[in-house]
Amino acid sequence: MSNYATAAEMRAQINKTSIVDDAILTAILSAAEKVINGFCNRPDGFIALAVATARKYAGQGLYYLAIDETPEITLVEVKKSSSDSLYTAWASGDWIAFSGDPKDPNFNRTPYTMLMVDPTGSQSIFTSGVYKQRAGFKPDSETSRGVPTVQVTAKWGYATTVPADIKEACIMQAARWYKRLEGAMSDALASGELGQLLYRQSLDPDLKMILVGGRYVKPALGRR
């Protein structure tokens, strides 16, 4: 079942009144949702989880930390060193959530994508996750790896409700697929509702314009 749009909402868009195909419409909407999430590089989707869960991150020993998208953060816990096993909860005045760049942060726009240490709080950095140890046969060598040092509890995802243009994009893509099903999956077909002639494409061009123009496509970058 799609979280972005319902069969009834799609029926209204394609001028259908019968509910006989609602199961098919629902399945197509669900498939369109997955395609949109994949195209936008958002595995958590656009609707945040209803319940906050914990995720672990390796700190860089800096005053800021990149995290996954979330509209709401419940708790931030940090280890005192990379070799510790226990996390210590930071007070709400020790950290600030923001989006954008650490040097030009936006504190008013969600989803939040980063945390910074509050300069008025009692902390200074997010503990580095670099962990080194001696390993190997003679001559001994030293290996290092990143280990989790920060645990963030939040409702992961883009927003608490689906953005209106994402809902519309989901319906648009599902409607195109539905019309292709009606046309026996042909590469080109006539459509009174969606235009005179439709050609098969991996993703609707107008849908791409909505996703790219709305800056919903998240770059696949490594964490800082």
N, C-alpha and C. Protein backbone atom coordinates (compact mmCIF):
# COMPACT_ATOMS: atom_id res chain seq x y z
N MET A 1 0.84 -1.20 0.00
CA MET A 1 0.00 0.00 0.00
C MET A 1 0.87 1.25 0.00
N SER A 2 0.54 2.21 -0.85
CA SER A 2 1.31 3.44 -0.94
C SER A 2 1.03 4.36 0.23
N ASN A 3 2.09 4.99 0.74
CA ASN A 3 1.94 5.99 1.79
C ASN A 3 1.75 7.39 1.22
N TYR A 4 1.93 7.54 -0.09
CA TYR A 4 1.91 8.86 -0.71
C TYR A 4 0.55 9.25 -1.28
N ALA A 5 -0.21 8.29 -1.78
CA ALA A 5 -1.50 8.60 -2.39
C ALA A 5 -2.41 7.37 -2.29
N THR A 6 -3.69 7.59 -2.36
CA THR A 6 -4.67 6.51 -2.27
C THR A 6 -5.28 6.24 -3.64
N ALA A 7 -5.93 5.08 -3.76
CA ALA A 7 -6.62 4.74 -5.01
C ALA A 7 -7.72 5.76 -5.31
N ALA A 8 -8.40 6.24 -4.27
CA ALA A 8 -9.47 7.22 -4.47
C ALA A 8 -8.90 8.52 -5.04
N GLU A 9 -7.73 8.95 -4.55
CA GLU A 9 -7.11 10.17 -5.06
C GLU A 9 -6.68 9.99 -6.51
N MET A 10 -6.20 8.80 -6.84
CA MET A 10 -5.80 8.55 -8.22
C MET A 10 -7.01 8.48 -9.14
N ARG A 11 -8.11 7.84 -8.67
CA ARG A 11 -9.33 7.78 -9.48
C ARG A 11 -9.83 9.17 -9.85
N ALA A 12 -9.75 10.09 -8.90
CA ALA A 12 -10.20 11.46 -9.17
C ALA A 12 -9.35 12.13 -10.24
N GLN A 13 -8.07 11.77 -10.30
CA GLN A 13 -7.16 12.37 -11.28
C GLN A 13 -7.39 11.84 -12.69
N ILE A 14 -7.80 10.57 -12.81
CA ILE A 14 -7.96 9.96 -14.13
C ILE A 14 -9.43 9.77 -14.49
N ASN A 15 -10.31 10.47 -13.76
CA ASN A 15 -11.74 10.48 -14.07
C ASN A 15 -12.38 9.09 -14.05
N LYS A 16 -12.03 8.32 -13.02
CA LYS A 16 -12.67 7.03 -12.81
C LYS A 16 -13.55 7.10 -11.56
N THR A 17 -14.69 6.44 -11.61
CA THR A 17 -15.60 6.43 -10.47
C THR A 17 -15.75 5.04 -9.86
N SER A 18 -15.55 4.01 -10.66
CA SER A 18 -15.71 2.64 -10.17
C SER A 18 -14.52 2.26 -9.29
N ILE A 19 -14.81 1.49 -8.24
CA ILE A 19 -13.76 1.04 -7.33
C ILE A 19 -13.25 -0.36 -7.69
N VAL A 20 -13.72 -0.89 -8.83
CA VAL A 20 -13.40 -2.26 -9.19
C VAL A 20 -11.89 -2.47 -9.38
N ASP A 21 -11.17 -1.42 -9.80
CA ASP A 21 -9.73 -1.55 -10.04
C ASP A 21 -8.89 -0.99 -8.91
N ASP A 22 -9.49 -0.74 -7.75
CA ASP A 22 -8.74 -0.11 -6.65
C ASP A 22 -7.54 -0.92 -6.20
N ALA A 23 -7.66 -2.24 -6.21
CA ALA A 23 -6.52 -3.08 -5.79
C ALA A 23 -5.35 -2.90 -6.76
N ILE A 24 -5.65 -2.80 -8.06
CA ILE A 24 -4.61 -2.59 -9.05
C ILE A 24 -4.00 -1.20 -8.90
N LEU A 25 -4.85 -0.19 -8.71
CA LEU A 25 -4.36 1.17 -8.55
C LEU A 25 -3.45 1.29 -7.33
N THR A 26 -3.85 0.63 -6.24
CA THR A 26 -3.04 0.67 -5.02
C THR A 26 -1.68 0.04 -5.23
N ALA A 27 -1.64 -1.08 -5.94
CA ALA A 27 -0.37 -1.76 -6.21
C ALA A 27 0.53 -0.89 -7.09
N ILE A 28 -0.05 -0.23 -8.09
CA ILE A 28 0.74 0.62 -8.97
C ILE A 28 1.25 1.84 -8.22
N LEU A 29 0.44 2.42 -7.37
CA LEU A 29 0.87 3.56 -6.55
C LEU A 29 2.04 3.17 -5.66
N SER A 30 1.98 1.98 -5.08
CA SER A 30 3.07 1.50 -4.23
C SER A 30 4.35 1.35 -5.03
N ALA A 31 4.24 0.83 -6.26
CA ALA A 31 5.41 0.69 -7.12
C ALA A 31 5.97 2.06 -7.50
N ALA A 32 5.09 3.02 -7.78
CA ALA A 32 5.54 4.37 -8.13
C ALA A 32 6.26 5.02 -6.96
N GLU A 33 5.78 4.77 -5.75
CA GLU A 33 6.43 5.31 -4.55
C GLU A 33 7.86 4.80 -4.44
N LYS A 34 8.06 3.51 -4.67
CA LYS A 34 9.40 2.93 -4.57
C LYS A 34 10.33 3.50 -5.64
N VAL A 35 9.80 3.71 -6.85
CA VAL A 35 10.61 4.27 -7.92
C VAL A 35 11.03 5.70 -7.59
N ILE A 36 10.11 6.49 -7.06
CA ILE A 36 10.41 7.87 -6.67
C ILE A 36 11.47 7.90 -5.58
N ASN A 37 11.33 7.04 -4.57
CA ASN A 37 12.32 6.98 -3.49
C ASN A 37 13.70 6.62 -4.03
N GLY A 38 13.73 5.67 -4.97
CA GLY A 38 15.01 5.26 -5.54
C GLY A 38 15.63 6.35 -6.39
N PHE A 39 14.82 7.02 -7.21
CA PHE A 39 15.32 8.09 -8.06
C PHE A 39 15.88 9.24 -7.23
N CYS A 40 15.23 9.50 -6.10
CA CYS A 40 15.65 10.61 -5.23
C CYS A 40 16.73 10.21 -4.24
N ASN A 41 17.15 8.94 -4.27
CA ASN A 41 18.18 8.44 -3.35
C ASN A 41 17.76 8.65 -1.90
N ARG A 42 16.51 8.29 -1.60
CA ARG A 42 15.99 8.44 -0.24
C ARG A 42 15.41 7.10 0.23
N PRO A 43 16.26 6.21 0.75
CA PRO A 43 15.76 4.90 1.19
C PRO A 43 14.74 4.98 2.32
N ASP A 44 14.78 6.06 3.11
CA ASP A 44 13.79 6.22 4.18
C ASP A 44 12.48 6.81 3.68
N GLY A 45 12.45 7.23 2.42
CA GLY A 45 11.23 7.78 1.86
C GLY A 45 10.98 9.22 2.30
N PHE A 46 9.80 9.72 1.96
CA PHE A 46 9.46 11.11 2.26
C PHE A 46 8.60 11.27 3.50
N ILE A 47 8.10 10.18 4.06
CA ILE A 47 7.31 10.26 5.29
C ILE A 47 8.13 9.65 6.42
N ALA A 48 8.37 10.43 7.43
CA ALA A 48 9.21 9.98 8.55
C ALA A 48 8.51 8.86 9.33
N LEU A 49 9.32 8.05 9.98
CA LEU A 49 8.79 6.99 10.82
C LEU A 49 7.93 7.57 11.94
N ALA A 50 6.86 6.88 12.29
CA ALA A 50 5.97 7.37 13.34
C ALA A 50 6.62 7.27 14.71
N VAL A 51 7.54 6.32 14.87
CA VAL A 51 8.19 6.09 16.16
C VAL A 51 9.69 6.38 16.01
N ALA A 52 10.26 7.10 16.96
CA ALA A 52 11.68 7.41 16.93
C ALA A 52 12.51 6.16 17.20
N THR A 53 13.58 5.98 16.43
CA THR A 53 14.49 4.86 16.62
C THR A 53 15.92 5.38 16.65
N ALA A 54 16.83 4.57 17.17
CA ALA A 54 18.23 4.99 17.33
C ALA A 54 19.07 4.54 16.15
N ARG A 55 19.97 5.43 15.71
CA ARG A 55 20.96 5.10 14.68
C ARG A 55 22.33 5.55 15.17
N LYS A 56 23.34 4.79 14.79
CA LYS A 56 24.71 5.06 15.26
C LYS A 56 25.55 5.69 14.15
N TYR A 57 26.46 6.58 14.54
CA TYR A 57 27.35 7.27 13.61
C TYR A 57 28.76 7.33 14.18
N ALA A 58 29.74 7.36 13.30
CA ALA A 58 31.12 7.53 13.72
C ALA A 58 31.46 9.01 13.68
N GLY A 59 31.72 9.59 14.83
CA GLY A 59 32.08 11.00 14.88
C GLY A 59 33.44 11.25 14.23
N GLN A 60 33.68 12.51 13.87
CA GLN A 60 34.94 12.88 13.23
C GLN A 60 35.83 13.73 14.13
N GLY A 61 35.45 13.86 15.38
CA GLY A 61 36.21 14.70 16.28
C GLY A 61 36.03 16.18 15.98
N LEU A 62 34.89 16.54 15.35
CA LEU A 62 34.61 17.91 14.96
C LEU A 62 33.40 18.44 15.72
N TYR A 63 33.09 19.71 15.52
CA TYR A 63 31.95 20.32 16.20
C TYR A 63 30.63 20.03 15.49
N TYR A 64 30.69 19.35 14.33
CA TYR A 64 29.47 19.03 13.61
C TYR A 64 29.48 17.56 13.20
N LEU A 65 28.30 17.04 12.87
CA LEU A 65 28.14 15.63 12.51
C LEU A 65 27.01 15.50 11.50
N ALA A 66 27.28 14.82 10.39
CA ALA A 66 26.26 14.55 9.38
C ALA A 66 25.41 13.36 9.82
N ILE A 67 24.09 13.48 9.68
CA ILE A 67 23.16 12.42 10.05
C ILE A 67 22.18 12.20 8.91
N ASP A 68 21.35 11.17 9.02
CA ASP A 68 20.30 10.95 8.04
C ASP A 68 19.19 11.99 8.21
N GLU A 69 18.37 12.14 7.19
CA GLU A 69 17.29 13.14 7.24
C GLU A 69 16.27 12.81 8.33
N THR A 70 15.84 13.85 9.03
CA THR A 70 14.82 13.69 10.06
C THR A 70 14.16 15.03 10.36
N PRO A 71 12.85 15.04 10.58
CA PRO A 71 12.19 16.29 10.99
C PRO A 71 12.14 16.46 12.50
N GLU A 72 12.51 15.41 13.24
CA GLU A 72 12.37 15.48 14.70
C GLU A 72 13.40 14.58 15.38
N ILE A 73 14.22 15.18 16.26
CA ILE A 73 15.24 14.44 17.00
C ILE A 73 14.86 14.39 18.48
N THR A 74 14.92 13.20 19.04
CA THR A 74 14.53 13.00 20.43
C THR A 74 15.71 13.02 21.39
N LEU A 75 16.82 12.37 21.00
CA LEU A 75 17.93 12.20 21.93
C LEU A 75 19.24 12.09 21.18
N VAL A 76 20.29 12.68 21.75
CA VAL A 76 21.65 12.55 21.22
C VAL A 76 22.54 12.01 22.34
N GLU A 77 23.23 10.90 22.06
CA GLU A 77 24.12 10.27 23.04
C GLU A 77 25.51 10.11 22.41
N VAL A 78 26.54 10.35 23.19
CA VAL A 78 27.91 10.33 22.66
C VAL A 78 28.83 9.57 23.62
N LYS A 79 29.74 8.76 23.06
CA LYS A 79 30.75 8.10 23.86
C LYS A 79 31.85 9.10 24.23
N LYS A 80 32.50 8.89 25.36
CA LYS A 80 33.60 9.78 25.75
C LYS A 80 34.88 9.44 25.00
N SER A 81 35.00 8.20 24.52
CA SER A 81 36.13 7.81 23.69
C SER A 81 35.67 6.68 22.77
N SER A 82 36.44 6.44 21.70
CA SER A 82 36.04 5.42 20.73
C SER A 82 36.08 4.02 21.30
N SER A 83 36.84 3.81 22.38
CA SER A 83 36.94 2.48 22.97
C SER A 83 35.90 2.21 24.05
N ASP A 84 35.09 3.24 24.39
CA ASP A 84 34.04 3.06 25.39
C ASP A 84 32.91 2.20 24.84
N SER A 85 32.18 1.56 25.72
CA SER A 85 31.02 0.76 25.32
C SER A 85 29.70 1.46 25.64
N LEU A 86 29.76 2.46 26.51
CA LEU A 86 28.54 3.15 26.94
C LEU A 86 28.44 4.54 26.33
N TYR A 87 27.21 4.93 26.01
CA TYR A 87 26.92 6.27 25.51
C TYR A 87 26.42 7.15 26.65
N THR A 88 26.78 8.42 26.61
CA THR A 88 26.31 9.39 27.59
C THR A 88 25.33 10.35 26.92
N ALA A 89 24.15 10.49 27.49
CA ALA A 89 23.14 11.37 26.90
C ALA A 89 23.54 12.83 27.07
N TRP A 90 23.49 13.58 25.98
CA TRP A 90 23.74 15.01 26.04
C TRP A 90 22.45 15.75 26.38
N ALA A 91 22.57 16.83 27.10
CA ALA A 91 21.41 17.67 27.39
C ALA A 91 20.96 18.36 26.10
N SER A 92 19.71 18.77 26.07
CA SER A 92 19.17 19.42 24.86
C SER A 92 19.91 20.71 24.53
N GLY A 93 20.56 21.30 25.53
CA GLY A 93 21.31 22.52 25.29
C GLY A 93 22.74 22.30 24.83
N ASP A 94 23.12 21.03 24.63
CA ASP A 94 24.48 20.72 24.19
C ASP A 94 24.58 20.57 22.67
N TRP A 95 23.47 20.42 21.97
CA TRP A 95 23.50 20.20 20.53
C TRP A 95 22.39 20.99 19.83
N ILE A 96 22.62 21.26 18.56
CA ILE A 96 21.64 21.98 17.73
C ILE A 96 21.51 21.24 16.40
N ALA A 97 20.28 20.99 15.98
CA ALA A 97 20.03 20.36 14.69
C ALA A 97 19.90 21.43 13.61
N PHE A 98 20.39 21.13 12.41
CA PHE A 98 20.29 22.09 11.32
C PHE A 98 20.38 21.37 9.99
N SER A 99 20.17 22.12 8.92
CA SER A 99 20.37 21.60 7.57
C SER A 99 21.32 22.52 6.83
N GLY A 100 21.88 22.03 5.73
CA GLY A 100 22.81 22.85 4.97
C GLY A 100 24.25 22.63 5.38
N ASP A 101 25.05 23.69 5.22
CA ASP A 101 26.48 23.63 5.48
C ASP A 101 26.81 24.08 6.90
N PRO A 102 27.78 23.45 7.55
CA PRO A 102 28.13 23.86 8.92
C PRO A 102 28.55 25.33 9.04
N LYS A 103 29.13 25.88 7.96
CA LYS A 103 29.56 27.27 8.00
C LYS A 103 28.43 28.24 7.65
N ASP A 104 27.37 27.74 7.06
CA ASP A 104 26.20 28.56 6.74
C ASP A 104 24.94 27.76 7.03
N PRO A 105 24.71 27.41 8.30
CA PRO A 105 23.62 26.50 8.66
C PRO A 105 22.24 27.14 8.57
N ASN A 106 21.24 26.30 8.31
CA ASN A 106 19.85 26.73 8.33
C ASN A 106 19.17 25.99 9.49
N PHE A 107 18.81 26.73 10.51
CA PHE A 107 18.23 26.11 11.70
C PHE A 107 16.71 26.01 11.62
N ASN A 108 16.11 26.56 10.57
CA ASN A 108 14.66 26.67 10.49
C ASN A 108 14.03 25.76 9.44
N ARG A 109 14.86 25.05 8.69
CA ARG A 109 14.32 24.21 7.62
C ARG A 109 14.54 22.75 7.93
N THR A 110 13.50 21.97 7.80
CA THR A 110 13.59 20.52 7.91
C THR A 110 13.48 19.92 6.51
N PRO A 111 14.01 18.71 6.30
CA PRO A 111 14.56 17.84 7.32
C PRO A 111 15.95 18.28 7.77
N TYR A 112 16.25 18.01 9.05
CA TYR A 112 17.59 18.25 9.55
C TYR A 112 18.52 17.18 8.98
N THR A 113 19.72 17.58 8.64
CA THR A 113 20.70 16.65 8.09
C THR A 113 22.02 16.67 8.85
N MET A 114 22.14 17.56 9.84
CA MET A 114 23.38 17.66 10.60
C MET A 114 23.11 18.10 12.03
N LEU A 115 24.09 17.82 12.88
CA LEU A 115 24.09 18.29 14.26
C LEU A 115 25.34 19.11 14.49
N MET A 116 25.25 20.11 15.34
CA MET A 116 26.43 20.85 15.75
C MET A 116 26.43 21.00 17.27
N VAL A 117 27.60 21.15 17.82
CA VAL A 117 27.73 21.37 19.26
C VAL A 117 27.31 22.80 19.57
N ASP A 118 26.42 22.95 20.53
CA ASP A 118 25.99 24.29 20.94
C ASP A 118 27.15 24.96 21.67
N PRO A 119 27.60 26.12 21.19
CA PRO A 119 28.74 26.79 21.84
C PRO A 119 28.46 27.23 23.27
N THR A 120 27.20 27.30 23.66
CA THR A 120 26.86 27.68 25.03
C THR A 120 26.68 26.47 25.93
N GLY A 121 26.82 25.25 25.37
CA GLY A 121 26.63 24.03 26.15
C GLY A 121 27.90 23.59 26.83
N SER A 122 27.87 22.36 27.33
CA SER A 122 29.00 21.84 28.10
C SER A 122 29.88 20.89 27.30
N GLN A 123 29.62 20.75 25.98
CA GLN A 123 30.40 19.85 25.15
C GLN A 123 31.18 20.65 24.11
N SER A 124 32.16 20.00 23.47
CA SER A 124 32.98 20.72 22.49
C SER A 124 33.02 20.04 21.12
N ILE A 125 33.05 18.70 21.08
CA ILE A 125 33.13 17.98 19.81
C ILE A 125 32.33 16.68 19.91
N PHE A 126 32.04 16.11 18.74
CA PHE A 126 31.51 14.75 18.68
C PHE A 126 32.70 13.80 18.61
N THR A 127 32.82 12.96 19.60
CA THR A 127 34.00 12.09 19.75
C THR A 127 34.35 11.38 18.44
N SER A 128 35.63 11.38 18.10
CA SER A 128 36.09 10.72 16.88
C SER A 128 35.86 9.22 16.96
N GLY A 129 35.45 8.65 15.83
CA GLY A 129 35.24 7.21 15.77
C GLY A 129 36.46 6.45 15.29
N VAL A 130 37.58 7.13 15.11
CA VAL A 130 38.80 6.45 14.66
C VAL A 130 39.35 5.60 15.79
N TYR A 131 39.52 4.33 15.52
CA TYR A 131 40.00 3.39 16.53
C TYR A 131 41.22 2.66 15.97
N LYS A 132 42.33 2.71 16.66
CA LYS A 132 43.57 2.09 16.19
C LYS A 132 44.00 0.98 17.14
N GLN A 133 44.60 -0.06 16.55
CA GLN A 133 45.13 -1.15 17.37
C GLN A 133 46.26 -1.84 16.62
N ARG A 134 47.13 -2.50 17.37
CA ARG A 134 48.23 -3.25 16.78
C ARG A 134 47.71 -4.57 16.23
N ALA A 135 48.19 -4.94 15.06
CA ALA A 135 47.70 -6.18 14.46
C ALA A 135 48.73 -6.73 13.48
N GLY A 136 48.62 -8.01 13.17
CA GLY A 136 49.46 -8.62 12.15
C GLY A 136 50.71 -9.27 12.70
N PHE A 137 51.42 -10.00 11.82
CA PHE A 137 52.68 -10.64 12.19
C PHE A 137 53.82 -9.63 12.12
N LYS A 138 54.98 -10.01 12.60
CA LYS A 138 56.13 -9.12 12.56
C LYS A 138 56.48 -8.75 11.11
N PRO A 139 56.85 -7.52 10.80
CA PRO A 139 56.83 -6.40 11.77
C PRO A 139 55.39 -5.97 12.07
N ASP A 140 55.15 -5.67 13.32
CA ASP A 140 53.81 -5.28 13.74
C ASP A 140 53.32 -4.07 12.94
N SER A 141 52.06 -4.06 12.64
CA SER A 141 51.45 -2.94 11.94
C SER A 141 50.28 -2.42 12.76
N GLU A 142 49.89 -1.22 12.46
CA GLU A 142 48.78 -0.60 13.18
C GLU A 142 47.62 -0.40 12.22
N THR A 143 46.45 -0.89 12.59
CA THR A 143 45.26 -0.73 11.75
C THR A 143 44.29 0.23 12.42
N SER A 144 43.53 0.92 11.61
CA SER A 144 42.52 1.84 12.15
C SER A 144 41.20 1.61 11.44
N ARG A 145 40.12 1.87 12.11
CA ARG A 145 38.80 1.72 11.54
C ARG A 145 37.85 2.68 12.22
N GLY A 146 36.75 2.95 11.57
CA GLY A 146 35.75 3.82 12.16
C GLY A 146 34.76 3.03 12.99
N VAL A 147 34.52 3.45 14.22
CA VAL A 147 33.56 2.78 15.09
C VAL A 147 32.50 3.80 15.52
N PRO A 148 31.32 3.34 15.86
CA PRO A 148 30.26 4.29 16.26
C PRO A 148 30.58 4.95 17.60
N THR A 149 30.43 6.26 17.62
CA THR A 149 30.65 7.02 18.85
C THR A 149 29.46 7.92 19.18
N VAL A 150 28.53 8.06 18.25
CA VAL A 150 27.35 8.91 18.46
C VAL A 150 26.10 8.10 18.15
N GLN A 151 25.12 8.19 19.02
CA GLN A 151 23.84 7.52 18.81
C GLN A 151 22.72 8.56 18.84
N VAL A 152 21.96 8.64 17.74
CA VAL A 152 20.91 9.64 17.61
C VAL A 152 19.56 8.93 17.52
N THR A 153 18.63 9.33 18.35
CA THR A 153 17.28 8.79 18.32
C THR A 153 16.37 9.82 17.69
N ALA A 154 15.72 9.44 16.59
CA ALA A 154 14.91 10.39 15.83
C ALA A 154 13.86 9.66 15.01
N LYS A 155 12.95 10.44 14.43
CA LYS A 155 11.97 9.92 13.48
C LYS A 155 12.58 10.13 12.09
N TRP A 156 13.16 9.08 11.54
CA TRP A 156 13.94 9.20 10.31
C TRP A 156 13.04 9.30 9.09
N GLY A 157 13.40 10.22 8.19
CA GLY A 157 12.64 10.44 6.97
C GLY A 157 12.61 11.92 6.64
N TYR A 158 11.92 12.27 5.56
CA TYR A 158 11.95 13.64 5.05
C TYR A 158 11.02 14.57 5.82
N ALA A 159 9.77 14.16 6.03
CA ALA A 159 8.79 15.04 6.67
C ALA A 159 7.73 14.20 7.37
N THR A 160 6.95 14.84 8.23
CA THR A 160 5.90 14.11 8.95
C THR A 160 4.73 13.76 8.03
N THR A 161 4.50 14.55 6.98
CA THR A 161 3.48 14.26 5.97
C THR A 161 4.11 14.39 4.59
N VAL A 162 3.55 13.68 3.62
CA VAL A 162 4.13 13.69 2.28
C VAL A 162 3.96 15.07 1.65
N PRO A 163 5.01 15.63 1.04
CA PRO A 163 4.88 16.91 0.34
C PRO A 163 3.85 16.81 -0.78
N ALA A 164 3.12 17.88 -1.03
CA ALA A 164 2.03 17.86 -2.01
C ALA A 164 2.53 17.50 -3.41
N ASP A 165 3.70 18.01 -3.80
CA ASP A 165 4.20 17.71 -5.15
C ASP A 165 4.71 16.27 -5.27
N ILE A 166 5.15 15.68 -4.16
CA ILE A 166 5.53 14.27 -4.20
C ILE A 166 4.29 13.40 -4.36
N LYS A 167 3.21 13.75 -3.68
CA LYS A 167 1.94 13.03 -3.86
C LYS A 167 1.50 13.09 -5.32
N GLU A 168 1.58 14.29 -5.90
CA GLU A 168 1.17 14.46 -7.29
C GLU A 168 2.08 13.67 -8.23
N ALA A 169 3.38 13.65 -7.96
CA ALA A 169 4.31 12.90 -8.79
C ALA A 169 4.01 11.40 -8.74
N CYS A 170 3.66 10.91 -7.57
CA CYS A 170 3.33 9.50 -7.41
C CYS A 170 2.09 9.14 -8.24
N ILE A 171 1.08 10.00 -8.18
CA ILE A 171 -0.14 9.75 -8.96
C ILE A 171 0.14 9.83 -10.45
N MET A 172 0.96 10.80 -10.86
CA MET A 172 1.29 10.95 -12.28
C MET A 172 1.95 9.71 -12.84
N GLN A 173 2.96 9.19 -12.12
CA GLN A 173 3.67 8.01 -12.61
C GLN A 173 2.76 6.79 -12.60
N ALA A 174 1.95 6.64 -11.56
CA ALA A 174 1.04 5.50 -11.48
C ALA A 174 0.00 5.56 -12.60
N ALA A 175 -0.50 6.78 -12.90
CA ALA A 175 -1.49 6.94 -13.97
C ALA A 175 -0.90 6.54 -15.33
N ARG A 176 0.35 6.91 -15.56
CA ARG A 176 1.00 6.53 -16.82
C ARG A 176 1.10 5.01 -16.93
N TRP A 177 1.52 4.35 -15.86
CA TRP A 177 1.62 2.90 -15.89
C TRP A 177 0.25 2.24 -16.07
N TYR A 178 -0.75 2.80 -15.43
CA TYR A 178 -2.11 2.24 -15.54
C TYR A 178 -2.60 2.32 -16.98
N LYS A 179 -2.33 3.46 -17.64
CA LYS A 179 -2.74 3.60 -19.03
C LYS A 179 -1.98 2.63 -19.93
N ARG A 180 -0.74 2.35 -19.59
CA ARG A 180 0.02 1.36 -20.36
C ARG A 180 -0.57 -0.03 -20.18
N LEU A 181 -1.03 -0.34 -18.97
CA LEU A 181 -1.70 -1.62 -18.75
C LEU A 181 -2.97 -1.72 -19.58
N GLU A 182 -3.71 -0.64 -19.66
CA GLU A 182 -4.93 -0.63 -20.48
C GLU A 182 -4.59 -0.79 -21.96
N GLY A 183 -3.40 -0.35 -22.36
CA GLY A 183 -2.97 -0.47 -23.75
C GLY A 183 -2.14 -1.70 -24.01
N ALA A 184 -2.29 -2.71 -23.18
CA ALA A 184 -1.58 -3.99 -23.34
C ALA A 184 -0.07 -3.80 -23.32
N MET A 185 0.42 -2.83 -22.49
CA MET A 185 1.85 -2.56 -22.32
C MET A 185 2.54 -2.15 -23.62
N SER A 186 1.81 -1.54 -24.54
CA SER A 186 2.42 -1.08 -25.79
C SER A 186 3.35 0.10 -25.54
N ASP A 187 4.27 0.34 -26.46
CA ASP A 187 5.23 1.42 -26.31
C ASP A 187 4.63 2.78 -26.58
N ALA A 188 3.54 2.84 -27.34
CA ALA A 188 2.87 4.10 -27.64
C ALA A 188 1.37 3.87 -27.67
N LEU A 189 0.61 4.80 -27.09
CA LEU A 189 -0.84 4.65 -27.06
C LEU A 189 -1.49 6.01 -26.96
N ALA A 190 -2.74 6.08 -27.40
CA ALA A 190 -3.50 7.32 -27.32
C ALA A 190 -4.19 7.41 -25.97
N SER A 191 -4.25 8.62 -25.40
CA SER A 191 -4.86 8.83 -24.10
C SER A 191 -5.59 10.16 -24.07
N GLY A 192 -6.88 10.12 -23.76
CA GLY A 192 -7.66 11.34 -23.67
C GLY A 192 -7.34 12.13 -22.42
N GLU A 193 -7.00 11.43 -21.30
CA GLU A 193 -6.74 12.11 -20.03
C GLU A 193 -5.32 12.65 -19.94
N LEU A 194 -4.35 11.90 -20.49
CA LEU A 194 -2.95 12.25 -20.28
C LEU A 194 -2.27 12.77 -21.54
N GLY A 195 -3.02 13.04 -22.60
CA GLY A 195 -2.42 13.54 -23.82
C GLY A 195 -2.77 12.66 -25.01
N GLN A 196 -2.43 13.10 -26.19
CA GLN A 196 -2.81 12.38 -27.39
C GLN A 196 -1.99 11.11 -27.61
N LEU A 197 -0.73 11.17 -27.29
CA LEU A 197 0.11 10.01 -27.54
C LEU A 197 1.15 9.87 -26.45
N LEU A 198 1.26 8.68 -25.88
CA LEU A 198 2.23 8.41 -24.82
C LEU A 198 3.28 7.44 -25.33
N TYR A 199 4.54 7.72 -25.02
CA TYR A 199 5.63 6.83 -25.38
C TYR A 199 6.23 6.26 -24.10
N ARG A 200 6.64 5.02 -24.15
CA ARG A 200 7.19 4.37 -22.97
C ARG A 200 8.50 5.03 -22.57
N GLN A 201 8.61 5.40 -21.28
CA GLN A 201 9.84 5.95 -20.74
C GLN A 201 10.01 5.41 -19.32
N SER A 202 11.26 5.36 -18.85
CA SER A 202 11.52 4.80 -17.53
C SER A 202 10.85 5.62 -16.43
N LEU A 203 10.84 6.94 -16.60
CA LEU A 203 10.22 7.83 -15.63
C LEU A 203 9.63 9.00 -16.39
N ASP A 204 8.43 9.40 -16.01
CA ASP A 204 7.75 10.48 -16.71
C ASP A 204 8.59 11.76 -16.69
N PRO A 205 8.77 12.44 -17.84
CA PRO A 205 9.60 13.65 -17.88
C PRO A 205 9.09 14.75 -16.95
N ASP A 206 7.76 14.91 -16.87
CA ASP A 206 7.22 15.92 -15.97
C ASP A 206 7.49 15.57 -14.51
N LEU A 207 7.48 14.27 -14.22
CA LEU A 207 7.78 13.82 -12.86
C LEU A 207 9.23 14.13 -12.52
N LYS A 208 10.14 13.87 -13.48
CA LYS A 208 11.55 14.20 -13.25
C LYS A 208 11.72 15.69 -12.97
N MET A 209 10.96 16.53 -13.71
CA MET A 209 11.06 17.97 -13.51
C MET A 209 10.63 18.35 -12.10
N ILE A 210 9.58 17.70 -11.59
CA ILE A 210 9.10 17.96 -10.23
C ILE A 210 10.17 17.58 -9.21
N LEU A 211 10.75 16.40 -9.39
CA LEU A 211 11.71 15.89 -8.41
C LEU A 211 13.03 16.66 -8.44
N VAL A 212 13.52 16.95 -9.65
CA VAL A 212 14.80 17.67 -9.77
C VAL A 212 14.60 19.14 -9.46
N GLY A 213 13.55 19.75 -10.03
CA GLY A 213 13.29 21.17 -9.79
C GLY A 213 12.95 21.47 -8.35
N GLY A 214 12.31 20.52 -7.67
CA GLY A 214 11.98 20.72 -6.26
C GLY A 214 13.12 20.38 -5.33
N ARG A 215 14.27 20.01 -5.89
CA ARG A 215 15.47 19.66 -5.13
C ARG A 215 15.22 18.49 -4.17
N TYR A 216 14.47 17.51 -4.67
CA TYR A 216 14.19 16.32 -3.86
C TYR A 216 15.21 15.22 -4.08
N VAL A 217 16.04 15.34 -5.14
CA VAL A 217 17.03 14.30 -5.42
C VAL A 217 18.26 14.55 -4.55
N LYS A 218 18.55 13.60 -3.70
CA LYS A 218 19.65 13.74 -2.75
C LYS A 218 20.94 13.20 -3.35
N PRO A 219 22.01 13.99 -3.40
CA PRO A 219 23.28 13.50 -3.95
C PRO A 219 23.81 12.32 -3.13
N ALA A 220 24.44 11.38 -3.81
CA ALA A 220 25.05 10.24 -3.13
C ALA A 220 26.48 10.62 -2.76
N LEU A 221 26.63 11.19 -1.57
CA LEU A 221 27.93 11.65 -1.10
C LEU A 221 28.31 10.94 0.18
N GLY A 222 29.60 10.85 0.42
CA GLY A 222 30.09 10.29 1.68
C GLY A 222 29.88 11.27 2.81
N ARG A 223 29.86 10.77 4.03
CA ARG A 223 29.68 11.65 5.21
C ARG A 223 30.94 12.43 5.48
N ARG A 224 30.72 13.63 6.02
CA ARG A 224 31.86 14.44 6.46
C ARG A 224 32.13 14.16 7.92
